[in-house]
Amino acid sequence: MGYKTKGKTTSVVENMINWAEISKHLTGGSDRIRKNRIPTVHESKIEELFTYLQAWKDNKKLFSETQLSNALDKIDTKTIIMVEMGLITP
């Protein structure tokens, strides 16, 4: 049941986690998930948690897929391209 994160996490991030509470939340038992023992079925959730904690630690903002999609929908690429080509003026 060894587990390595996709990206290298710092021990600081791993130490921020209350492993007993995470274990209770995901499995119902406080001793089923540990820092050095993460069942394969829960690896993706733990990896997601590491990502969020690392971003928070690094003071970075994360966006959901919906937020990103909504922001991209507001961009008028046609106008940007036409301005860059000199076909229209802004």
PDB file of N, CA and C in Angstrom:
ATOM      1  N   MET A   1       0.810  -1.193   0.000  1.00  0.00           N
ATOM      2  CA  MET A   1       0.000   0.000   0.000  1.00  0.00           C
ATOM      3  C   MET A   1       0.854   1.257   0.000  1.00  0.00           C
ATOM      4  N   GLY A   2       2.061   1.150  -0.427  1.00  0.00           N
ATOM      5  CA  GLY A   2       2.908   2.331  -0.486  1.00  0.00           C
ATOM      6  C   GLY A   2       2.315   3.351  -1.429  1.00  0.00           C
ATOM      7  N   TYR A   3       2.584   4.572  -1.181  1.00  0.00           N
ATOM      8  CA  TYR A   3       2.001   5.638  -1.988  1.00  0.00           C
ATOM      9  C   TYR A   3       3.001   6.747  -2.149  1.00  0.00           C
ATOM     10  N   LYS A   4       3.178   7.181  -3.348  1.00  0.00           N
ATOM     11  CA  LYS A   4       4.003   8.346  -3.619  1.00  0.00           C
ATOM     12  C   LYS A   4       3.142   9.347  -4.357  1.00  0.00           C
ATOM     13  N   THR A   5       3.304  10.596  -4.021  1.00  0.00           N
ATOM     14  CA  THR A   5       2.522  11.626  -4.690  1.00  0.00           C
ATOM     15  C   THR A   5       3.064  11.848  -6.088  1.00  0.00           C
ATOM     16  N   LYS A   6       2.215  12.370  -6.976  1.00  0.00           N
ATOM     17  CA  LYS A   6       2.635  12.668  -8.341  1.00  0.00           C
ATOM     18  C   LYS A   6       3.719  13.723  -8.332  1.00  0.00           C
ATOM     19  N   GLY A   7       3.482  14.772  -7.581  1.00  0.00           N
ATOM     20  CA  GLY A   7       4.479  15.826  -7.418  1.00  0.00           C
ATOM     21  C   GLY A   7       5.110  15.656  -6.052  1.00  0.00           C
ATOM     22  N   LYS A   8       6.280  16.191  -5.893  1.00  0.00           N
ATOM     23  CA  LYS A   8       6.932  16.067  -4.597  1.00  0.00           C
ATOM     24  C   LYS A   8       6.276  17.030  -3.610  1.00  0.00           C
ATOM     25  N   THR A   9       5.719  16.499  -2.571  1.00  0.00           N
ATOM     26  CA  THR A   9       5.130  17.342  -1.537  1.00  0.00           C
ATOM     27  C   THR A   9       6.149  17.507  -0.426  1.00  0.00           C
ATOM     28  N   THR A  10       6.060  18.607   0.239  1.00  0.00           N
ATOM     29  CA  THR A  10       6.971  18.823   1.349  1.00  0.00           C
ATOM     30  C   THR A  10       6.413  18.146   2.579  1.00  0.00           C
ATOM     31  N   SER A  11       7.304  17.812   3.487  1.00  0.00           N
ATOM     32  CA  SER A  11       6.837  17.194   4.723  1.00  0.00           C
ATOM     33  C   SER A  11       5.945  18.162   5.490  1.00  0.00           C
ATOM     34  N   VAL A  12       6.124  19.471   5.239  1.00  0.00           N
ATOM     35  CA  VAL A  12       5.275  20.472   5.889  1.00  0.00           C
ATOM     36  C   VAL A  12       3.825  20.233   5.504  1.00  0.00           C
ATOM     37  N   VAL A  13       3.582  20.016   4.202  1.00  0.00           N
ATOM     38  CA  VAL A  13       2.216  19.770   3.733  1.00  0.00           C
ATOM     39  C   VAL A  13       1.677  18.480   4.332  1.00  0.00           C
ATOM     40  N   GLU A  14       2.482  17.440   4.326  1.00  0.00           N
ATOM     41  CA  GLU A  14       2.039  16.166   4.902  1.00  0.00           C
ATOM     42  C   GLU A  14       1.789  16.289   6.402  1.00  0.00           C
ATOM     43  N   ASN A  15       2.571  17.111   7.055  1.00  0.00           N
ATOM     44  CA  ASN A  15       2.411  17.279   8.504  1.00  0.00           C
ATOM     45  C   ASN A  15       1.208  18.147   8.860  1.00  0.00           C
ATOM     46  N   MET A  16       0.678  18.897   7.905  1.00  0.00           N
ATOM     47  CA  MET A  16      -0.515  19.712   8.162  1.00  0.00           C
ATOM     48  C   MET A  16      -1.765  18.847   8.291  1.00  0.00           C
ATOM     49  N   ILE A  17      -1.691  17.655   7.803  1.00  0.00           N
ATOM     50  CA  ILE A  17      -2.869  16.795   7.747  1.00  0.00           C
ATOM     51  C   ILE A  17      -3.062  16.051   9.065  1.00  0.00           C
ATOM     52  N   ASN A  18      -4.285  16.071   9.533  1.00  0.00           N
ATOM     53  CA  ASN A  18      -4.669  15.256  10.680  1.00  0.00           C
ATOM     54  C   ASN A  18      -5.108  13.908  10.092  1.00  0.00           C
ATOM     55  N   TRP A  19      -4.177  12.982  10.046  1.00  0.00           N
ATOM     56  CA  TRP A  19      -4.417  11.718   9.355  1.00  0.00           C
ATOM     57  C   TRP A  19      -5.562  10.915   9.964  1.00  0.00           C
ATOM     58  N   ALA A  20      -5.731  10.974  11.268  1.00  0.00           N
ATOM     59  CA  ALA A  20      -6.828  10.242  11.909  1.00  0.00           C
ATOM     60  C   ALA A  20      -8.179  10.784  11.442  1.00  0.00           C
ATOM     61  N   GLU A  21      -8.297  12.112  11.342  1.00  0.00           N
ATOM     62  CA  GLU A  21      -9.564  12.708  10.903  1.00  0.00           C
ATOM     63  C   GLU A  21      -9.834  12.428   9.425  1.00  0.00           C
ATOM     64  N   ILE A  22      -8.786  12.505   8.593  1.00  0.00           N
ATOM     65  CA  ILE A  22      -8.946  12.165   7.172  1.00  0.00           C
ATOM     66  C   ILE A  22      -9.387  10.720   7.040  1.00  0.00           C
ATOM     67  N   SER A  23      -8.767   9.854   7.812  1.00  0.00           N
ATOM     68  CA  SER A  23      -9.123   8.441   7.792  1.00  0.00           C
ATOM     69  C   SER A  23     -10.586   8.234   8.196  1.00  0.00           C
ATOM     70  N   LYS A  24     -11.014   8.909   9.258  1.00  0.00           N
ATOM     71  CA  LYS A  24     -12.423   8.807   9.687  1.00  0.00           C
ATOM     72  C   LYS A  24     -13.363   9.282   8.587  1.00  0.00           C
ATOM     73  N   HIS A  25     -13.010  10.393   7.966  1.00  0.00           N
ATOM     74  CA  HIS A  25     -13.864  10.974   6.928  1.00  0.00           C
ATOM     75  C   HIS A  25     -13.980  10.043   5.720  1.00  0.00           C
ATOM     76  N   LEU A  26     -12.865   9.490   5.288  1.00  0.00           N
ATOM     77  CA  LEU A  26     -12.883   8.674   4.069  1.00  0.00           C
ATOM     78  C   LEU A  26     -13.280   7.228   4.304  1.00  0.00           C
ATOM     79  N   THR A  27     -12.950   6.677   5.475  1.00  0.00           N
ATOM     80  CA  THR A  27     -13.169   5.244   5.683  1.00  0.00           C
ATOM     81  C   THR A  27     -14.097   4.908   6.842  1.00  0.00           C
ATOM     82  N   GLY A  28     -14.333   5.864   7.731  1.00  0.00           N
ATOM     83  CA  GLY A  28     -15.152   5.579   8.895  1.00  0.00           C
ATOM     84  C   GLY A  28     -14.333   5.103  10.089  1.00  0.00           C
ATOM     85  N   GLY A  29     -13.070   4.813   9.882  1.00  0.00           N
ATOM     86  CA  GLY A  29     -12.191   4.386  10.974  1.00  0.00           C
ATOM     87  C   GLY A  29     -10.975   5.280  11.058  1.00  0.00           C
ATOM     88  N   SER A  30     -10.520   5.549  12.269  1.00  0.00           N
ATOM     89  CA  SER A  30      -9.427   6.512  12.434  1.00  0.00           C
ATOM     90  C   SER A  30      -8.041   5.923  12.192  1.00  0.00           C
ATOM     91  N   ASP A  31      -7.950   4.615  11.981  1.00  0.00           N
ATOM     92  CA  ASP A  31      -6.624   4.003  11.841  1.00  0.00           C
ATOM     93  C   ASP A  31      -6.382   3.332  10.488  1.00  0.00           C
ATOM     94  N   ARG A  32      -7.221   3.606   9.511  1.00  0.00           N
ATOM     95  CA  ARG A  32      -7.096   2.925   8.217  1.00  0.00           C
ATOM     96  C   ARG A  32      -6.206   3.654   7.220  1.00  0.00           C
ATOM     97  N   ILE A  33      -6.058   4.970   7.394  1.00  0.00           N
ATOM     98  CA  ILE A  33      -5.188   5.759   6.528  1.00  0.00           C
ATOM     99  C   ILE A  33      -4.151   6.437   7.411  1.00  0.00           C
ATOM    100  N   ARG A  34      -2.914   6.327   6.991  1.00  0.00           N
ATOM    101  CA  ARG A  34      -1.808   6.955   7.694  1.00  0.00           C
ATOM    102  C   ARG A  34      -0.907   7.633   6.668  1.00  0.00           C
ATOM    103  N   LYS A  35      -0.018   8.489   7.153  1.00  0.00           N
ATOM    104  CA  LYS A  35       0.912   9.201   6.280  1.00  0.00           C
ATOM    105  C   LYS A  35       1.698   8.229   5.401  1.00  0.00           C
ATOM    106  N   ASN A  36       2.086   7.111   5.949  1.00  0.00           N
ATOM    107  CA  ASN A  36       2.876   6.134   5.202  1.00  0.00           C
ATOM    108  C   ASN A  36       2.058   4.925   4.739  1.00  0.00           C
ATOM    109  N   ARG A  37       0.727   4.994   4.882  1.00  0.00           N
ATOM    110  CA  ARG A  37      -0.127   3.877   4.463  1.00  0.00           C
ATOM    111  C   ARG A  37      -1.451   4.440   3.924  1.00  0.00           C
ATOM    112  N   ILE A  38      -1.502   4.614   2.617  1.00  0.00           N
ATOM    113  CA  ILE A  38      -2.702   5.146   1.975  1.00  0.00           C
ATOM    114  C   ILE A  38      -3.238   4.092   1.010  1.00  0.00           C
ATOM    115  N   PRO A  39      -4.420   3.555   1.282  1.00  0.00           N
ATOM    116  CA  PRO A  39      -4.997   2.560   0.372  1.00  0.00           C
ATOM    117  C   PRO A  39      -5.181   3.138  -1.037  1.00  0.00           C
ATOM    118  N   THR A  40      -4.969   2.309  -2.019  1.00  0.00           N
ATOM    119  CA  THR A  40      -5.057   2.727  -3.420  1.00  0.00           C
ATOM    120  C   THR A  40      -6.374   3.415  -3.735  1.00  0.00           C
ATOM    121  N   VAL A  41      -7.458   2.945  -3.159  1.00  0.00           N
ATOM    122  CA  VAL A  41      -8.775   3.506  -3.452  1.00  0.00           C
ATOM    123  C   VAL A  41      -8.879   4.974  -3.036  1.00  0.00           C
ATOM    124  N   HIS A  42      -8.056   5.412  -2.090  1.00  0.00           N
ATOM    125  CA  HIS A  42      -8.120   6.790  -1.590  1.00  0.00           C
ATOM    126  C   HIS A  42      -6.969   7.671  -2.077  1.00  0.00           C
ATOM    127  N   GLU A  43      -6.098   7.136  -2.907  1.00  0.00           N
ATOM    128  CA  GLU A  43      -4.931   7.896  -3.369  1.00  0.00           C
ATOM    129  C   GLU A  43      -5.314   9.191  -4.079  1.00  0.00           C
ATOM    130  N   SER A  44      -6.333   9.145  -4.931  1.00  0.00           N
ATOM    131  CA  SER A  44      -6.700  10.349  -5.697  1.00  0.00           C
ATOM    132  C   SER A  44      -7.207  11.461  -4.770  1.00  0.00           C
ATOM    133  N   LYS A  45      -7.961  11.111  -3.748  1.00  0.00           N
ATOM    134  CA  LYS A  45      -8.457  12.107  -2.800  1.00  0.00           C
ATOM    135  C   LYS A  45      -7.319  12.725  -1.996  1.00  0.00           C
ATOM    136  N   ILE A  46      -6.368  11.909  -1.575  1.00  0.00           N
ATOM    137  CA  ILE A  46      -5.227  12.405  -0.819  1.00  0.00           C
ATOM    138  C   ILE A  46      -4.355  13.284  -1.714  1.00  0.00           C
ATOM    139  N   GLU A  47      -4.166  12.878  -2.968  1.00  0.00           N
ATOM    140  CA  GLU A  47      -3.401  13.682  -3.923  1.00  0.00           C
ATOM    141  C   GLU A  47      -4.066  15.048  -4.135  1.00  0.00           C
ATOM    142  N   GLU A  48      -5.384  15.050  -4.235  1.00  0.00           N
ATOM    143  CA  GLU A  48      -6.130  16.307  -4.387  1.00  0.00           C
ATOM    144  C   GLU A  48      -5.929  17.194  -3.160  1.00  0.00           C
ATOM    145  N   LEU A  49      -5.985  16.601  -1.988  1.00  0.00           N
ATOM    146  CA  LEU A  49      -5.763  17.350  -0.749  1.00  0.00           C
ATOM    147  C   LEU A  49      -4.353  17.939  -0.714  1.00  0.00           C
ATOM    148  N   PHE A  50      -3.344  17.146  -1.100  1.00  0.00           N
ATOM    149  CA  PHE A  50      -1.968  17.651  -1.164  1.00  0.00           C
ATOM    150  C   PHE A  50      -1.876  18.846  -2.107  1.00  0.00           C
ATOM    151  N   THR A  51      -2.549  18.763  -3.250  1.00  0.00           N
ATOM    152  CA  THR A  51      -2.525  19.853  -4.226  1.00  0.00           C
ATOM    153  C   THR A  51      -3.096  21.125  -3.624  1.00  0.00           C
ATOM    154  N   TYR A  52      -4.241  21.017  -2.953  1.00  0.00           N
ATOM    155  CA  TYR A  52      -4.868  22.178  -2.337  1.00  0.00           C
ATOM    156  C   TYR A  52      -3.999  22.768  -1.223  1.00  0.00           C
ATOM    157  N   LEU A  53      -3.442  21.906  -0.390  1.00  0.00           N
ATOM    158  CA  LEU A  53      -2.604  22.391   0.701  1.00  0.00           C
ATOM    159  C   LEU A  53      -1.323  23.039   0.178  1.00  0.00           C
ATOM    160  N   GLN A  54      -0.718  22.450  -0.847  1.00  0.00           N
ATOM    161  CA  GLN A  54       0.502  23.022  -1.410  1.00  0.00           C
ATOM    162  C   GLN A  54       0.211  24.390  -2.031  1.00  0.00           C
ATOM    163  N   ALA A  55      -0.917  24.508  -2.731  1.00  0.00           N
ATOM    164  CA  ALA A  55      -1.307  25.792  -3.327  1.00  0.00           C
ATOM    165  C   ALA A  55      -1.547  26.827  -2.231  1.00  0.00           C
ATOM    166  N   TRP A  56      -2.218  26.434  -1.182  1.00  0.00           N
ATOM    167  CA  TRP A  56      -2.476  27.340  -0.064  1.00  0.00           C
ATOM    168  C   TRP A  56      -1.159  27.776   0.582  1.00  0.00           C
ATOM    169  N   LYS A  57      -0.275  26.807   0.791  1.00  0.00           N
ATOM    170  CA  LYS A  57       1.033  27.096   1.392  1.00  0.00           C
ATOM    171  C   LYS A  57       1.837  28.055   0.522  1.00  0.00           C
ATOM    172  N   ASP A  58       1.751  27.883  -0.810  1.00  0.00           N
ATOM    173  CA  ASP A  58       2.489  28.727  -1.754  1.00  0.00           C
ATOM    174  C   ASP A  58       1.751  30.017  -2.092  1.00  0.00           C
ATOM    175  N   ASN A  59       0.593  30.238  -1.458  1.00  0.00           N
ATOM    176  CA  ASN A  59      -0.225  31.427  -1.684  1.00  0.00           C
ATOM    177  C   ASN A  59      -0.676  31.549  -3.144  1.00  0.00           C
ATOM    178  N   LYS A  60      -1.067  30.417  -3.722  1.00  0.00           N
ATOM    179  CA  LYS A  60      -1.557  30.392  -5.095  1.00  0.00           C
ATOM    180  C   LYS A  60      -3.064  30.179  -5.069  1.00  0.00           C
ATOM    181  N   LYS A  61      -3.735  30.727  -6.069  1.00  0.00           N
ATOM    182  CA  LYS A  61      -5.176  30.565  -6.188  1.00  0.00           C
ATOM    183  C   LYS A  61      -5.481  29.456  -7.182  1.00  0.00           C
ATOM    184  N   LEU A  62      -6.477  28.661  -6.896  1.00  0.00           N
ATOM    185  CA  LEU A  62      -6.911  27.596  -7.789  1.00  0.00           C
ATOM    186  C   LEU A  62      -8.296  27.922  -8.328  1.00  0.00           C
ATOM    187  N   PHE A  63      -8.557  27.468  -9.535  1.00  0.00           N
ATOM    188  CA  PHE A  63      -9.854  27.698 -10.160  1.00  0.00           C
ATOM    189  C   PHE A  63     -10.509  26.361 -10.465  1.00  0.00           C
ATOM    190  N   SER A  64     -11.824  26.329 -10.366  1.00  0.00           N
ATOM    191  CA  SER A  64     -12.546  25.121 -10.752  1.00  0.00           C
ATOM    192  C   SER A  64     -12.693  25.109 -12.267  1.00  0.00           C
ATOM    193  N   GLU A  65     -13.061  23.968 -12.825  1.00  0.00           N
ATOM    194  CA  GLU A  65     -13.258  23.867 -14.270  1.00  0.00           C
ATOM    195  C   GLU A  65     -14.363  24.821 -14.725  1.00  0.00           C
ATOM    196  N   THR A  66     -15.410  24.951 -13.931  1.00  0.00           N
ATOM    197  CA  THR A  66     -16.519  25.842 -14.271  1.00  0.00           C
ATOM    198  C   THR A  66     -16.072  27.290 -14.267  1.00  0.00           C
ATOM    199  N   GLN A  67     -15.325  27.697 -13.254  1.00  0.00           N
ATOM    200  CA  GLN A  67     -14.834  29.069 -13.192  1.00  0.00           C
ATOM    201  C   GLN A  67     -13.928  29.380 -14.386  1.00  0.00           C
ATOM    202  N   LEU A  68     -13.053  28.458 -14.725  1.00  0.00           N
ATOM    203  CA  LEU A  68     -12.155  28.663 -15.856  1.00  0.00           C
ATOM    204  C   LEU A  68     -12.935  28.731 -17.161  1.00  0.00           C
ATOM    205  N   SER A  69     -13.893  27.851 -17.328  1.00  0.00           N
ATOM    206  CA  SER A  69     -14.719  27.848 -18.529  1.00  0.00           C
ATOM    207  C   SER A  69     -15.493  29.152 -18.674  1.00  0.00           C
ATOM    208  N   ASN A  70     -16.064  29.636 -17.576  1.00  0.00           N
ATOM    209  CA  ASN A  70     -16.809  30.899 -17.607  1.00  0.00           C
ATOM    210  C   ASN A  70     -15.898  32.074 -17.960  1.00  0.00           C
ATOM    211  N   ALA A  71     -14.693  32.086 -17.430  1.00  0.00           N
ATOM    212  CA  ALA A  71     -13.751  33.162 -17.741  1.00  0.00           C
ATOM    213  C   ALA A  71     -13.342  33.113 -19.206  1.00  0.00           C
ATOM    214  N   LEU A  72     -13.097  31.928 -19.725  1.00  0.00           N
ATOM    215  CA  LEU A  72     -12.700  31.788 -21.131  1.00  0.00           C
ATOM    216  C   LEU A  72     -13.841  32.145 -22.079  1.00  0.00           C
ATOM    217  N   ASP A  73     -15.067  31.892 -21.660  1.00  0.00           N
ATOM    218  CA  ASP A  73     -16.225  32.248 -22.490  1.00  0.00           C
ATOM    219  C   ASP A  73     -16.341  33.752 -22.690  1.00  0.00           C
ATOM    220  N   LYS A  74     -15.808  34.522 -21.764  1.00  0.00           N
ATOM    221  CA  LYS A  74     -15.902  35.975 -21.840  1.00  0.00           C
ATOM    222  C   LYS A  74     -14.840  36.585 -22.756  1.00  0.00           C
ATOM    223  N   ILE A  75     -13.870  35.789 -23.179  1.00  0.00           N
ATOM    224  CA  ILE A  75     -12.800  36.296 -24.036  1.00  0.00           C
ATOM    225  C   ILE A  75     -13.255  36.267 -25.492  1.00  0.00           C
ATOM    226  N   ASP A  76     -13.124  37.400 -26.164  1.00  0.00           N
ATOM    227  CA  ASP A  76     -13.505  37.508 -27.577  1.00  0.00           C
ATOM    228  C   ASP A  76     -12.243  37.336 -28.430  1.00  0.00           C
ATOM    229  N   THR A  77     -11.919  36.094 -28.748  1.00  0.00           N
ATOM    230  CA  THR A  77     -10.681  35.830 -29.489  1.00  0.00           C
ATOM    231  C   THR A  77     -10.724  36.374 -30.913  1.00  0.00           C
ATOM    232  N   LYS A  78     -11.893  36.405 -31.505  1.00  0.00           N
ATOM    233  CA  LYS A  78     -12.011  36.917 -32.873  1.00  0.00           C
ATOM    234  C   LYS A  78     -11.534  38.376 -32.938  1.00  0.00           C
ATOM    235  N   THR A  79     -11.995  39.190 -32.006  1.00  0.00           N
ATOM    236  CA  THR A  79     -11.595  40.598 -31.970  1.00  0.00           C
ATOM    237  C   THR A  79     -10.102  40.731 -31.692  1.00  0.00           C
ATOM    238  N   ILE A  80      -9.585  39.943 -30.767  1.00  0.00           N
ATOM    239  CA  ILE A  80      -8.158  39.999 -30.440  1.00  0.00           C
ATOM    240  C   ILE A  80      -7.320  39.688 -31.675  1.00  0.00           C
ATOM    241  N   ILE A  81      -7.675  38.659 -32.397  1.00  0.00           N
ATOM    242  CA  ILE A  81      -6.923  38.278 -33.601  1.00  0.00           C
ATOM    243  C   ILE A  81      -7.016  39.360 -34.670  1.00  0.00           C
ATOM    244  N   MET A  82      -8.204  39.906 -34.863  1.00  0.00           N
ATOM    245  CA  MET A  82      -8.384  40.934 -35.891  1.00  0.00           C
ATOM    246  C   MET A  82      -7.598  42.208 -35.545  1.00  0.00           C
ATOM    247  N   VAL A  83      -7.525  42.562 -34.272  1.00  0.00           N
ATOM    248  CA  VAL A  83      -6.740  43.721 -33.848  1.00  0.00           C
ATOM    249  C   VAL A  83      -5.258  43.439 -34.089  1.00  0.00           C
ATOM    250  N   GLU A  84      -4.791  42.265 -33.723  1.00  0.00           N
ATOM    251  CA  GLU A  84      -3.378  41.909 -33.913  1.00  0.00           C
ATOM    252  C   GLU A  84      -3.000  41.893 -35.387  1.00  0.00           C
ATOM    253  N   MET A  85      -3.923  41.529 -36.253  1.00  0.00           N
ATOM    254  CA  MET A  85      -3.633  41.488 -37.692  1.00  0.00           C
ATOM    255  C   MET A  85      -3.764  42.862 -38.316  1.00  0.00           C
ATOM    256  N   GLY A  86      -4.263  43.828 -37.553  1.00  0.00           N
ATOM    257  CA  GLY A  86      -4.419  45.183 -38.059  1.00  0.00           C
ATOM    258  C   GLY A  86      -5.669  45.380 -38.900  1.00  0.00           C
ATOM    259  N   LEU A  87      -6.596  44.450 -38.826  1.00  0.00           N
ATOM    260  CA  LEU A  87      -7.819  44.531 -39.610  1.00  0.00           C
ATOM    261  C   LEU A  87      -8.823  45.506 -38.996  1.00  0.00           C
ATOM    262  N   ILE A  88      -8.782  45.631 -37.678  1.00  0.00           N
ATOM    263  CA  ILE A  88      -9.646  46.587 -36.984  1.00  0.00           C
ATOM    264  C   ILE A  88      -8.826  47.290 -35.915  1.00  0.00           C
ATOM    265  N   THR A  89      -9.310  48.409 -35.460  1.00  0.00           N
ATOM    266  CA  THR A  89      -8.652  49.112 -34.358  1.00  0.00           C
ATOM    267  C   THR A  89      -9.541  49.001 -33.129  1.00  0.00           C
ATOM    268  N   PRO A  90      -8.905  48.862 -31.990  1.00  0.00           N
ATOM    269  CA  PRO A  90      -9.706  48.668 -30.755  1.00  0.00           C
ATOM    270  C   PRO A  90     -10.477  49.901 -30.340  1.00  0.00           C
TER     271      PRO A  90
END
